[in-house]
Structure formats: C-alpha cells, structure tokens
Amino acid sequence: MDIAGFIFIAVFAASIVIGKLTPASISEASDKAVMPIVIILIFTISLWGGGQLTSISKAGSLIAYSLIYSLLTVALSYTVGIMIGERRRNGSLRLMSKTPLIFIVTLAIGWLTGVLLHVVDVGNIIEVELIALAGVIGLSSSRVMNVKSLIAGGRIGIQAGVSALLGGLLSGLILSYAFSIRLNVSLAIALGMGWYTFTGPVVALYAGPYYGLLAFLSNFLREQLTFILVPFIPGTPQALISIGGATSMDDTLPVYVSALGKDYSVASISNGLLLTILVPIVVPLVLAI
C-alpha cells in the first residue's frame, strides 16, 4: 500500500472522530456531498481507463483472455461470497438498493472521452478525489459508527477477502489448464485482486511482457466490472465486496457506499486493506514456486 493509501485511511478515521464531536448537521450535510464526489470519481477513473486501453486495443486475443480471467475470477469470488455470506431469515439473498443509471452513463462518457483524448495519467487527480471521498464518508458515517459496527464491518470485510482469495485461486487453476499457461503464472494473474499497477509489472518481470500485460489488463477489467455489476446484481455483502478485490478500499469504494449504504464502508475498506497487504506477499511467492 502506498502513501496515498495510508492518507486515505487516516482521513477516513479522523473524519469519523470529527463527526462524533460536531453537530449532527455536519454529518447530514456530508451526506449530500457523497453522490457528486462519487460521480466525479467514476468519470475520472473511466476516463483514465479509456485512454489506457487504446494503446493495446489491437491485441484482440490478449483482451479476450484478460476478459475471461476477470469474469471468471469475479464470478467465482461472488459465488464463494454467497456461500459464506449472510442471508435473510427466509433464505433469500439481499437485493441492494438500486444505484442511479447515472453511474453507467458516467462510466460510458468517461471511457469515450478517454479514448478520444488518449488520456494516460490522472493518478494525482484520483488521489485527491479519493481523499475528499474519505472525508465526506467518514463524516457521514460517524453517527452510525460504533464498536459493534466496526467489529461487524471487519468481520464482513475478512469474509469478503477470503471469498476473493478463493475465487482467484480457483480461477487461476481452471484457466491454467484451459489456456495452457504455467500454473504459477496463471495463479499470479488471478490473485492480483484488481491491483493492476502492481501485478502487471511483477508478472512481466518474471514471465515476460505478454503475461505482464495479461495480468495488468485482467485486473484492470476487474475494477471496471465492479463499477458495472455491483449496483445491479443481488447478493450478500460478502459476495459483492469480494468482486472489487483490493480496490474496494479506494477506487470502487464509492460504488459500495452507494449500493450497500454507508454502513458498509468499514467492511469495504477492511476487505481492500487486507488484500492490499496480502497481494505483494502472495503474488511474488506464487511466482517463485
């Protein structure tokens, strides 16, 4: 986890404390600021995504393999999350609140703009937007945040992390056989947990540029699929949070706050933090096998 990740968590924690010490009107006002920041973040991230993909748009088979990796990893993580997640008393899955269509429209506009303008780097802008989001979510959540909710959020986050790890493990095993890719390389790709800027270069260093690019793109597409799928599919919190992998603590957190509610911000951040710690350990170890 880089310095920005530590800053994000620090701002989130500090905002909760501030929210506890200030009038309720501050928390209520922050509620209104969440949606605009979410929309801006989704646009910025998708803008960057559109610009990035244009540089490899001619590699059809690579994109197809990457999409299969991301879809299968997401599907298996989601399935495991449903199996170990919480259910209602009648046994039905929780159907989360519908997220406005503006999310999908914003994503599409961002991608199109990125493709047309060939945007290649908006990382600094995204970091600023994420810190702003951490502040308003912390203030907004402060009134419902207590020891019980923190413990519950941590438990759900760990369960989601386990679901994501098992989903990645199964996906790597299956696709190693299907695509005749070395098992350790396939596992490293699938266990990247959406952290493409780390997994891509590490895999490239070990297995060459083709597999590095496959690792980068498959994990990048996992992040983008999170934006598209989470708002519109039913599931347990564990299942839905597992889809985002390590990104649930930052880039895809806005979607979880909007789709699941601010009560699940701790669970999303806990899942992302756990996986962010584990990925730099697990991926190199797997490659060394």
Protein backbone atom coordinates (compact mmCIF):
# COMPACT_ATOMS: atom_id res chain seq x y z
CA MET A 1 0.00 0.00 0.00
CA ASP A 2 1.46 3.39 -0.99
CA ILE A 3 1.45 6.66 0.96
CA ALA A 4 -1.87 7.67 -0.60
CA GLY A 5 -3.47 4.55 0.87
CA PHE A 6 -2.28 5.46 4.37
CA ILE A 7 -3.51 9.03 3.91
CA PHE A 8 -6.91 7.75 2.78
CA ILE A 9 -7.35 5.59 5.89
CA ALA A 10 -6.07 8.36 8.17
CA VAL A 11 -8.52 10.90 6.70
CA PHE A 12 -11.39 8.41 6.98
CA ALA A 13 -10.60 7.70 10.65
CA ALA A 14 -10.10 11.38 11.50
CA SER A 15 -13.38 12.29 9.81
CA ILE A 16 -15.27 9.76 11.92
CA VAL A 17 -13.83 11.32 15.09
CA ILE A 18 -14.67 14.83 13.86
CA GLY A 19 -18.19 13.73 13.00
CA LYS A 20 -18.63 12.36 16.51
CA LEU A 21 -17.55 15.66 18.05
CA THR A 22 -19.52 18.03 15.80
CA PRO A 23 -23.27 18.74 15.46
CA ALA A 24 -25.44 16.28 13.55
CA SER A 25 -25.98 18.92 10.86
CA ILE A 26 -22.36 18.43 9.73
CA SER A 27 -22.97 14.71 9.16
CA GLU A 28 -26.22 15.43 7.34
CA ALA A 29 -24.54 17.97 5.07
CA SER A 30 -21.80 15.49 4.20
CA ASP A 31 -24.45 13.02 3.04
CA LYS A 32 -25.33 15.40 0.21
CA ALA A 33 -21.70 15.67 -0.87
CA VAL A 34 -21.17 11.92 -1.31
CA MET A 35 -23.03 11.48 -4.61
CA PRO A 36 -21.33 14.32 -6.53
CA ILE A 37 -17.88 13.08 -5.46
CA VAL A 38 -18.82 9.52 -6.42
CA ILE A 39 -19.87 10.63 -9.90
CA ILE A 40 -16.70 12.68 -10.38
CA LEU A 41 -14.55 9.74 -9.27
CA ILE A 42 -16.25 7.27 -11.60
CA PHE A 43 -15.78 9.67 -14.51
CA THR A 44 -12.09 10.25 -13.74
CA ILE A 45 -11.30 6.55 -13.36
CA SER A 46 -13.19 5.57 -16.52
CA LEU A 47 -11.54 8.48 -18.37
CA TRP A 48 -8.17 7.00 -17.46
CA GLY A 49 -9.39 3.52 -18.40
CA GLY A 50 -10.46 4.56 -21.88
CA GLY A 51 -7.09 6.19 -22.51
CA GLN A 52 -5.15 3.16 -21.25
CA LEU A 53 -6.95 0.57 -23.33
CA THR A 54 -6.41 2.35 -26.63
CA SER A 55 -2.70 1.51 -26.50
CA ILE A 56 -3.43 -2.23 -26.59
CA SER A 57 -6.72 -2.21 -28.48
CA LYS A 58 -5.23 -4.13 -31.40
CA ALA A 59 -4.33 -7.14 -29.27
CA GLY A 60 -7.65 -8.95 -29.68
CA SER A 61 -6.69 -12.31 -28.19
CA LEU A 62 -4.98 -10.67 -25.24
CA ILE A 63 -8.08 -8.63 -24.46
CA ALA A 64 -10.27 -11.73 -24.81
CA TYR A 65 -8.08 -13.74 -22.42
CA SER A 66 -8.00 -10.83 -19.99
CA LEU A 67 -11.77 -10.52 -20.03
CA ILE A 68 -12.16 -14.24 -19.37
CA TYR A 69 -9.76 -14.04 -16.44
CA SER A 70 -11.58 -11.09 -14.92
CA LEU A 71 -15.08 -12.52 -15.49
CA LEU A 72 -14.26 -15.96 -14.10
CA THR A 73 -12.43 -14.56 -11.07
CA VAL A 74 -15.34 -12.23 -10.32
CA ALA A 75 -17.91 -15.00 -10.79
CA LEU A 76 -16.10 -17.47 -8.53
CA SER A 77 -15.39 -14.87 -5.83
CA TYR A 78 -19.06 -13.85 -5.92
CA THR A 79 -20.17 -17.49 -5.63
CA VAL A 80 -17.93 -18.16 -2.62
CA GLY A 81 -19.15 -14.92 -1.04
CA ILE A 82 -22.75 -16.05 -1.39
CA MET A 83 -21.93 -19.40 0.20
CA ILE A 84 -20.32 -17.89 3.30
CA GLY A 85 -22.30 -14.65 3.45
CA GLU A 86 -25.28 -13.55 5.47
CA ARG A 87 -28.82 -14.37 4.39
CA ARG A 88 -32.23 -13.21 5.45
CA ARG A 89 -34.30 -15.47 7.61
CA ASN A 90 -36.28 -16.65 4.60
CA GLY A 91 -33.01 -17.63 2.94
CA SER A 92 -33.21 -15.17 0.05
CA LEU A 93 -30.26 -13.08 -1.00
CA ARG A 94 -30.19 -9.44 -0.09
CA LEU A 95 -31.08 -7.23 -3.04
CA MET A 96 -29.22 -4.00 -2.62
CA SER A 97 -30.67 -0.59 -3.33
CA LYS A 98 -30.70 0.40 -6.98
CA THR A 99 -27.90 2.75 -7.94
CA PRO A 100 -28.88 5.54 -10.33
CA LEU A 101 -28.39 4.94 -14.04
CA ILE A 102 -26.13 7.98 -13.98
CA PHE A 103 -23.31 5.68 -12.80
CA ILE A 104 -23.38 3.69 -16.03
CA VAL A 105 -23.84 6.82 -18.13
CA THR A 106 -20.89 8.47 -16.38
CA LEU A 107 -18.75 5.37 -16.93
CA ALA A 108 -19.59 5.32 -20.64
CA ILE A 109 -18.92 9.04 -21.10
CA GLY A 110 -15.62 8.72 -19.25
CA TRP A 111 -14.46 5.81 -21.38
CA LEU A 112 -15.44 7.54 -24.61
CA THR A 113 -13.68 10.75 -23.58
CA GLY A 114 -10.57 8.80 -22.60
CA VAL A 115 -10.49 7.02 -25.96
CA LEU A 116 -10.90 10.27 -27.91
CA LEU A 117 -8.42 12.31 -25.87
CA HIS A 118 -5.95 9.45 -25.21
CA VAL A 119 -5.75 10.25 -21.52
CA VAL A 120 -2.84 8.32 -20.00
CA ASP A 121 -2.38 9.55 -16.43
CA VAL A 122 -4.82 11.12 -14.00
CA GLY A 123 -3.45 9.36 -10.92
CA ASN A 124 -2.83 12.54 -8.92
CA ILE A 125 -6.36 13.78 -9.59
CA ILE A 126 -7.84 10.46 -8.49
CA GLU A 127 -5.84 10.54 -5.25
CA VAL A 128 -7.22 13.98 -4.38
CA GLU A 129 -10.77 12.87 -5.17
CA LEU A 130 -10.38 9.72 -3.05
CA ILE A 131 -9.15 11.73 -0.06
CA ALA A 132 -12.17 14.02 -0.43
CA LEU A 133 -14.41 10.96 -0.54
CA ALA A 134 -12.76 9.54 2.60
CA GLY A 135 -13.54 12.77 4.42
CA VAL A 136 -17.22 13.00 3.50
CA ILE A 137 -17.88 9.28 4.05
CA GLY A 138 -16.21 9.45 7.45
CA LEU A 139 -18.35 12.42 8.46
CA SER A 140 -21.48 10.85 7.00
CA SER A 141 -20.88 7.52 8.74
CA SER A 142 -19.84 8.93 12.10
CA ARG A 143 -23.33 8.96 13.60
CA VAL A 144 -23.90 5.26 12.95
CA MET A 145 -20.33 4.17 13.67
CA ASN A 146 -19.68 2.40 16.96
CA VAL A 147 -17.65 -0.51 18.29
CA LYS A 148 -20.33 -3.01 17.28
CA SER A 149 -20.49 -1.74 13.69
CA LEU A 150 -16.69 -1.67 13.44
CA ILE A 151 -16.45 -5.28 14.57
CA ALA A 152 -19.24 -6.33 12.20
CA GLY A 153 -17.65 -4.43 9.31
CA GLY A 154 -14.28 -6.02 9.98
CA ARG A 155 -15.82 -9.49 10.06
CA ILE A 156 -17.66 -8.98 6.77
CA GLY A 157 -14.53 -7.49 5.22
CA ILE A 158 -12.43 -10.51 6.19
CA GLN A 159 -15.07 -12.89 4.84
CA ALA A 160 -15.15 -10.94 1.57
CA GLY A 161 -11.35 -11.10 1.41
CA VAL A 162 -11.40 -14.87 1.89
CA SER A 163 -14.02 -15.14 -0.87
CA ALA A 164 -11.85 -13.08 -3.23
CA LEU A 165 -8.75 -15.16 -2.49
CA LEU A 166 -10.57 -18.47 -3.02
CA GLY A 167 -12.16 -17.16 -6.20
CA GLY A 168 -8.78 -16.09 -7.55
CA LEU A 169 -7.21 -19.41 -6.61
CA LEU A 170 -9.91 -21.44 -8.38
CA SER A 171 -9.86 -19.16 -11.42
CA GLY A 172 -6.09 -19.44 -11.73
CA LEU A 173 -6.24 -23.23 -11.53
CA ILE A 174 -9.01 -23.55 -14.13
CA LEU A 175 -7.55 -21.10 -16.66
CA SER A 176 -4.05 -22.53 -16.33
CA TYR A 177 -5.44 -25.77 -17.74
CA ALA A 178 -7.78 -24.09 -20.26
CA PHE A 179 -5.15 -21.74 -21.76
CA SER A 180 -2.05 -23.92 -21.17
CA ILE A 181 -0.43 -21.22 -19.05
CA ARG A 182 2.07 -22.19 -16.37
CA LEU A 183 0.20 -22.70 -13.11
CA ASN A 184 2.22 -20.23 -11.07
CA VAL A 185 1.80 -17.50 -13.70
CA SER A 186 -1.94 -18.14 -14.03
CA LEU A 187 -2.38 -18.03 -10.25
CA ALA A 188 -0.41 -14.78 -10.00
CA ILE A 189 -2.64 -13.18 -12.64
CA ALA A 190 -5.86 -14.30 -10.94
CA LEU A 191 -4.66 -13.39 -7.43
CA GLY A 192 -3.84 -9.80 -8.38
CA MET A 193 -7.14 -8.73 -6.76
CA GLY A 194 -7.62 -5.82 -9.15
CA TRP A 195 -4.24 -4.23 -8.26
CA TYR A 196 -3.08 -3.99 -11.87
CA THR A 197 -0.30 -1.45 -11.31
CA PHE A 198 1.47 -3.93 -9.03
CA THR A 199 0.53 -7.30 -10.53
CA GLY A 200 1.26 -6.37 -14.15
CA PRO A 201 4.89 -5.27 -13.65
CA VAL A 202 5.68 -8.12 -11.24
CA VAL A 203 4.34 -10.78 -13.63
CA ALA A 204 6.11 -9.09 -16.56
CA LEU A 205 9.41 -9.22 -14.67
CA TYR A 206 9.02 -12.94 -14.04
CA ALA A 207 7.18 -14.27 -17.12
CA GLY A 208 7.72 -11.64 -19.82
CA PRO A 209 5.78 -8.66 -21.24
CA TYR A 210 2.91 -10.66 -22.74
CA TYR A 211 1.88 -12.19 -19.42
CA GLY A 212 2.60 -8.93 -17.65
CA LEU A 213 0.17 -7.19 -19.96
CA LEU A 214 -2.35 -10.01 -19.46
CA ALA A 215 -2.05 -9.57 -15.68
CA PHE A 216 -2.39 -5.80 -15.95
CA LEU A 217 -5.43 -5.85 -18.22
CA SER A 218 -7.31 -8.67 -16.47
CA ASN A 219 -7.01 -6.93 -13.11
CA PHE A 220 -7.85 -3.58 -14.65
CA LEU A 221 -11.00 -5.04 -16.19
CA ARG A 222 -11.94 -6.50 -12.81
CA GLU A 223 -12.07 -2.97 -11.40
CA GLN A 224 -14.21 -1.79 -14.31
CA LEU A 225 -16.57 -4.78 -13.96
CA THR A 226 -17.08 -3.82 -10.32
CA PHE A 227 -18.50 -0.47 -11.39
CA ILE A 228 -20.81 -2.17 -13.87
CA LEU A 229 -22.00 -5.20 -11.88
CA VAL A 230 -22.23 -4.28 -8.20
CA PRO A 231 -25.05 -1.72 -8.46
CA PHE A 232 -27.33 -4.05 -10.39
CA ILE A 233 -26.94 -7.60 -9.06
CA PRO A 234 -28.35 -9.15 -5.86
CA GLY A 235 -26.05 -10.76 -3.35
CA THR A 236 -24.70 -10.87 0.15
CA PRO A 237 -22.37 -8.03 1.22
CA GLN A 238 -19.51 -10.53 1.28
CA ALA A 239 -20.21 -11.59 -2.31
CA LEU A 240 -20.49 -8.08 -3.69
CA ILE A 241 -17.49 -6.67 -1.82
CA SER A 242 -15.33 -9.62 -2.91
CA ILE A 243 -15.85 -8.61 -6.55
CA GLY A 244 -13.83 -5.41 -6.07
CA GLY A 245 -10.85 -7.16 -4.53
CA ALA A 246 -8.20 -4.77 -3.25
CA THR A 247 -9.92 -1.83 -4.97
CA SER A 248 -12.84 -1.86 -2.52
CA MET A 249 -10.86 0.36 -0.13
CA ASP A 250 -10.33 3.13 -2.67
CA ASP A 251 -11.29 3.21 -6.37
CA THR A 252 -14.52 1.16 -6.15
CA LEU A 253 -15.48 2.26 -2.62
CA PRO A 254 -17.92 4.86 -3.99
CA VAL A 255 -19.97 2.13 -5.64
CA TYR A 256 -20.16 0.11 -2.43
CA VAL A 257 -21.19 3.11 -0.36
CA SER A 258 -23.94 3.92 -2.86
CA ALA A 259 -25.13 0.35 -3.49
CA LEU A 260 -24.81 -1.11 0.01
CA GLY A 261 -25.05 2.02 2.12
CA LYS A 262 -22.53 3.91 4.21
CA ASP A 263 -22.82 1.29 6.97
CA TYR A 264 -20.70 -1.00 4.78
CA SER A 265 -17.85 1.46 4.29
CA VAL A 266 -15.84 -0.23 7.06
CA ALA A 267 -16.41 -3.68 5.52
CA SER A 268 -15.29 -2.45 2.09
CA ILE A 269 -12.20 -0.73 3.45
CA SER A 270 -11.32 -3.76 5.64
CA ASN A 271 -11.53 -6.10 2.64
CA GLY A 272 -9.41 -3.81 0.48
CA LEU A 273 -6.84 -3.26 3.21
CA LEU A 274 -6.49 -6.99 3.88
CA LEU A 275 -5.98 -7.80 0.21
CA THR A 276 -3.67 -4.82 -0.34
CA ILE A 277 -1.43 -6.23 2.37
CA LEU A 278 -1.59 -9.79 1.04
CA VAL A 279 -1.15 -9.22 -2.72
CA PRO A 280 2.51 -8.04 -2.53
CA ILE A 281 3.23 -11.15 -0.48
CA VAL A 282 1.13 -13.75 -2.30
CA VAL A 283 1.87 -12.85 -5.94
CA PRO A 284 5.71 -12.96 -5.69
CA LEU A 285 5.53 -16.13 -3.60
CA VAL A 286 3.31 -17.84 -6.16
CA LEU A 287 5.64 -16.82 -8.99
CA ALA A 288 8.60 -18.22 -7.09
CA ILE A 289 7.05 -21.69 -6.90
